[in-house]
Amino acid sequence: MGLRVKDMAAGDQPRERLLEKGGNALADRELLAILLGSGSRGMSAVELASRVISHCGDLGELARSEPHRLLSVPGVGPAKAARVAAAFHLVRRSQSGPGPLRITSSADLAALVAPLLREQTKERLVLVVCDAGGGVVRQLVLTEGGSDHTSLPVRDVITAVLTSGGAAFGVAHNHPSGSTEPSPADLASTDHLRHASDIVGLTFLDHLVVTDTKWRRIS
């Protein structure tokens, strides 16, 4: 049976060091070991935590992993997988508090849509509908595609804005690759969307590319 966290010498227990010195004093594997609670046969909790992080690739990928992916790591059962996944979900929820209620800049739009786009493994398109003064009327995930592409259905965007009673709108999509460079399709669809909004009398605010750490306007 693997060494449990509580069976370590007091000075070596990640939990005790966390309480005494704070989270910054612990390595990633030690923080994860606290969540795991125990190791597995012949492996300590810290060693198992290292294996989990290595299996996912890095801490960012671990944060995006669902329980079924963690279950593929030898020594990680349903209880451990659920605890780890739940902890990261709580973090995401804490970061997805209310965004700006009024869109007055590209930064406002980026702040509002970021919780819906960051740490996603698939591209998704988010639509934000506003009134004439920029007040947010509605926001929704309009499409979700693969790891490197999702569609921007111009007709559906315009219809959603009009049926929501909006006068202005902005759209944003993520690039799971981490690059903010717009693709030729991104540029073309932005032009089509701008033209369509002019025809029906809507104000097109912005189209943004959002990654886990930054964002960029598509002009």
Protein backbone atom coordinates (compact mmCIF):
# COMPACT_ATOMS: atom_id res chain seq x y z
CA MET A 1 0.00 0.00 0.00
CA GLY A 2 1.32 3.48 -0.83
CA LEU A 3 2.30 5.99 1.79
CA ARG A 4 -0.55 8.23 2.82
CA VAL A 5 -0.02 11.94 3.30
CA LYS A 6 -0.92 11.68 6.98
CA ASP A 7 1.67 8.93 7.49
CA MET A 8 4.59 11.12 6.42
CA ALA A 9 6.83 12.70 9.01
CA ALA A 10 5.18 15.88 10.27
CA GLY A 11 7.75 18.14 8.67
CA ASP A 12 7.28 16.45 5.30
CA GLN A 13 3.50 16.53 5.16
CA PRO A 14 2.32 18.90 2.42
CA ARG A 15 -0.84 19.68 4.38
CA GLU A 16 1.10 20.75 7.45
CA ARG A 17 3.49 22.86 5.38
CA LEU A 18 0.54 24.46 3.60
CA LEU A 19 -1.02 25.46 6.92
CA GLU A 20 2.28 26.71 8.30
CA LYS A 21 3.86 28.41 5.29
CA GLY A 22 1.08 28.83 2.72
CA GLY A 23 0.52 27.39 -0.74
CA ASN A 24 3.46 29.19 -2.32
CA ALA A 25 5.83 27.06 -0.26
CA LEU A 26 4.60 23.86 -1.94
CA ALA A 27 5.41 22.44 -5.35
CA ASP A 28 2.59 21.59 -7.75
CA ARG A 29 2.91 17.89 -7.00
CA GLU A 30 2.62 18.55 -3.26
CA LEU A 31 -0.54 20.61 -3.65
CA LEU A 32 -2.02 17.87 -5.81
CA ALA A 33 -0.96 15.25 -3.27
CA ILE A 34 -3.16 16.99 -0.70
CA LEU A 35 -6.14 16.59 -3.01
CA LEU A 36 -5.33 12.96 -3.74
CA GLY A 37 -5.03 12.24 -0.02
CA SER A 38 -3.07 9.01 -0.42
CA GLY A 39 -0.85 7.19 -2.85
CA SER A 40 -1.24 3.75 -4.34
CA ARG A 41 0.54 0.44 -3.94
CA GLY A 42 4.26 1.12 -3.52
CA MET A 43 3.87 4.82 -4.31
CA SER A 44 3.48 7.86 -2.06
CA ALA A 45 0.82 10.50 -2.60
CA VAL A 46 3.46 12.94 -3.86
CA GLU A 47 4.83 10.34 -6.29
CA LEU A 48 1.32 9.61 -7.54
CA ALA A 49 0.73 13.34 -7.96
CA SER A 50 3.87 13.60 -10.10
CA ARG A 51 2.61 10.72 -12.24
CA VAL A 52 -0.77 12.42 -12.71
CA ILE A 53 0.80 15.72 -13.80
CA SER A 54 3.19 13.90 -16.16
CA HIS A 55 0.27 11.93 -17.65
CA CYS A 56 -1.63 15.13 -18.44
CA GLY A 57 1.46 16.93 -19.76
CA ASP A 58 1.45 19.95 -17.49
CA LEU A 59 -0.63 21.70 -14.84
CA GLY A 60 -2.70 23.57 -17.42
CA GLU A 61 -3.77 20.34 -19.11
CA LEU A 62 -4.51 18.79 -15.71
CA ALA A 63 -6.80 21.72 -14.92
CA ARG A 64 -8.78 21.00 -18.09
CA SER A 65 -8.97 17.24 -17.56
CA GLU A 66 -12.27 15.54 -16.84
CA PRO A 67 -12.42 12.67 -14.30
CA HIS A 68 -12.42 9.94 -16.97
CA ARG A 69 -8.99 11.10 -18.17
CA LEU A 70 -7.57 10.98 -14.65
CA LEU A 71 -8.98 7.48 -14.14
CA SER A 72 -6.58 6.21 -16.80
CA VAL A 73 -3.65 6.88 -14.44
CA PRO A 74 -2.79 3.71 -12.46
CA GLY A 75 -3.49 4.36 -8.80
CA VAL A 76 -6.19 7.00 -9.37
CA GLY A 77 -9.66 5.73 -8.55
CA PRO A 78 -13.05 7.43 -8.83
CA ALA A 79 -12.78 9.25 -5.49
CA LYS A 80 -9.36 10.75 -6.28
CA ALA A 81 -10.35 11.69 -9.84
CA ALA A 82 -13.55 13.35 -8.64
CA ARG A 83 -11.75 15.38 -5.95
CA VAL A 84 -9.16 16.72 -8.38
CA ALA A 85 -11.69 17.56 -11.09
CA ALA A 86 -14.01 19.21 -8.55
CA ALA A 87 -11.19 21.39 -7.21
CA PHE A 88 -10.33 22.76 -10.65
CA HIS A 89 -13.99 23.30 -11.47
CA LEU A 90 -14.35 25.37 -8.32
CA VAL A 91 -11.39 27.50 -9.41
CA ARG A 92 -13.01 28.11 -12.79
CA ARG A 93 -16.29 29.07 -11.16
CA SER A 94 -14.54 31.50 -8.84
CA GLN A 95 -12.95 33.17 -11.86
CA SER A 96 -16.20 33.43 -13.79
CA GLY A 97 -17.89 36.04 -11.65
CA PRO A 98 -20.00 38.77 -13.21
CA GLY A 99 -18.22 40.61 -15.98
CA PRO A 100 -18.92 44.19 -16.97
CA LEU A 101 -22.63 44.90 -17.35
CA ARG A 102 -21.87 47.40 -20.08
CA ILE A 103 -19.56 47.00 -23.05
CA THR A 104 -17.66 50.22 -23.67
CA SER A 105 -14.41 48.79 -25.04
CA SER A 106 -12.78 45.68 -26.43
CA ALA A 107 -11.34 45.02 -22.97
CA ASP A 108 -14.87 44.93 -21.50
CA LEU A 109 -15.92 42.38 -24.09
CA ALA A 110 -12.80 40.29 -23.46
CA ALA A 111 -13.39 40.29 -19.70
CA LEU A 112 -17.00 39.21 -20.14
CA VAL A 113 -16.35 36.31 -22.51
CA ALA A 114 -13.07 35.03 -21.03
CA PRO A 115 -14.68 32.63 -18.49
CA LEU A 116 -16.57 30.95 -21.32
CA LEU A 117 -13.53 30.60 -23.58
CA ARG A 118 -10.47 29.98 -21.44
CA GLU A 119 -9.26 26.47 -20.60
CA GLN A 120 -11.33 24.94 -23.38
CA THR A 121 -9.99 22.13 -25.57
CA LYS A 122 -12.39 22.92 -28.41
CA GLU A 123 -13.01 26.16 -30.25
CA ARG A 124 -16.27 27.84 -29.35
CA LEU A 125 -17.95 31.03 -30.47
CA VAL A 126 -19.54 33.34 -27.92
CA LEU A 127 -22.07 36.02 -28.83
CA VAL A 128 -22.73 39.04 -26.59
CA VAL A 129 -25.89 41.04 -27.37
CA CYS A 130 -26.15 44.64 -26.15
CA ASP A 131 -28.69 47.43 -26.18
CA ALA A 132 -28.03 50.78 -27.84
CA GLY A 133 -26.11 52.01 -24.79
CA GLY A 134 -23.84 48.97 -24.58
CA GLY A 135 -25.75 47.30 -21.76
CA VAL A 136 -25.46 43.53 -21.92
CA VAL A 137 -28.77 41.94 -22.87
CA ARG A 138 -27.64 38.37 -23.44
CA GLN A 139 -24.57 36.22 -23.86
CA LEU A 140 -24.45 32.69 -25.20
CA VAL A 141 -22.20 30.04 -26.68
CA LEU A 142 -23.38 29.98 -30.28
CA THR A 143 -21.22 27.20 -31.75
CA GLU A 144 -18.58 24.70 -30.64
CA GLY A 145 -16.30 22.89 -33.03
CA GLY A 146 -13.01 21.00 -33.01
CA SER A 147 -9.63 21.77 -31.52
CA ASP A 148 -8.71 24.16 -34.32
CA HIS A 149 -11.94 25.38 -35.88
CA THR A 150 -15.50 26.44 -35.18
CA SER A 151 -17.88 28.10 -37.59
CA LEU A 152 -19.10 31.68 -37.48
CA PRO A 153 -22.64 31.42 -38.90
CA VAL A 154 -23.39 35.02 -39.88
CA ARG A 155 -27.12 34.41 -40.38
CA ASP A 156 -27.47 32.78 -36.95
CA VAL A 157 -25.58 35.61 -35.27
CA ILE A 158 -27.78 38.31 -36.79
CA THR A 159 -30.95 36.34 -36.04
CA ALA A 160 -29.95 35.83 -32.40
CA VAL A 161 -29.26 39.54 -31.94
CA LEU A 162 -32.56 40.60 -33.52
CA THR A 163 -34.68 38.06 -31.63
CA SER A 164 -33.00 39.16 -28.37
CA GLY A 165 -34.04 42.76 -29.01
CA GLY A 166 -30.44 43.90 -29.28
CA ALA A 167 -29.06 46.92 -31.08
CA ALA A 168 -25.37 46.01 -30.91
CA PHE A 169 -23.28 42.88 -30.51
CA GLY A 170 -19.80 41.47 -30.24
CA VAL A 171 -18.44 37.99 -30.86
CA ALA A 172 -15.38 36.16 -29.62
CA HIS A 173 -13.86 32.75 -30.08
CA ASN A 174 -10.96 30.89 -28.50
CA HIS A 175 -7.84 29.33 -29.97
CA PRO A 176 -6.90 26.29 -27.81
CA SER A 177 -3.46 26.39 -29.47
CA GLY A 178 -2.69 29.58 -27.54
CA SER A 179 -2.11 31.68 -30.67
CA THR A 180 -4.08 34.90 -31.13
CA GLU A 181 -3.24 35.08 -34.83
CA PRO A 182 -6.51 35.21 -36.81
CA SER A 183 -6.93 32.68 -39.59
CA PRO A 184 -7.98 33.67 -43.12
CA ALA A 185 -11.42 32.28 -42.26
CA ASP A 186 -11.54 34.52 -39.15
CA LEU A 187 -10.79 37.58 -41.25
CA ALA A 188 -13.30 36.70 -43.95
CA SER A 189 -16.12 35.90 -41.52
CA THR A 190 -15.50 39.17 -39.67
CA ASP A 191 -15.90 41.11 -42.91
CA HIS A 192 -19.12 39.24 -43.72
CA LEU A 193 -20.48 39.87 -40.25
CA ARG A 194 -19.68 43.58 -40.42
CA HIS A 195 -21.40 43.85 -43.81
CA ALA A 196 -24.49 41.94 -42.63
CA SER A 197 -24.85 44.08 -39.51
CA ASP A 198 -24.74 47.24 -41.63
CA ILE A 199 -27.54 45.93 -43.83
CA VAL A 200 -29.94 45.31 -40.91
CA GLY A 201 -28.91 48.38 -38.91
CA LEU A 202 -27.06 46.70 -36.06
CA THR A 203 -23.84 47.95 -34.48
CA PHE A 204 -21.01 45.42 -34.74
CA LEU A 205 -18.75 46.04 -31.74
CA ASP A 206 -15.89 43.59 -32.10
CA HIS A 207 -14.66 40.12 -32.96
CA LEU A 208 -12.00 38.86 -30.55
CA VAL A 209 -9.66 35.89 -30.40
CA VAL A 210 -9.20 34.81 -26.78
CA THR A 211 -6.65 32.39 -25.32
CA ASP A 212 -5.95 31.34 -21.73
CA THR A 213 -3.64 34.31 -21.18
CA LYS A 214 -4.39 37.01 -23.76
CA TRP A 215 -6.79 38.30 -26.39
CA ARG A 216 -6.69 40.15 -29.69
CA ARG A 217 -9.10 42.12 -31.89
CA ILE A 218 -9.78 40.93 -35.42
CA SER A 219 -9.91 44.20 -37.37
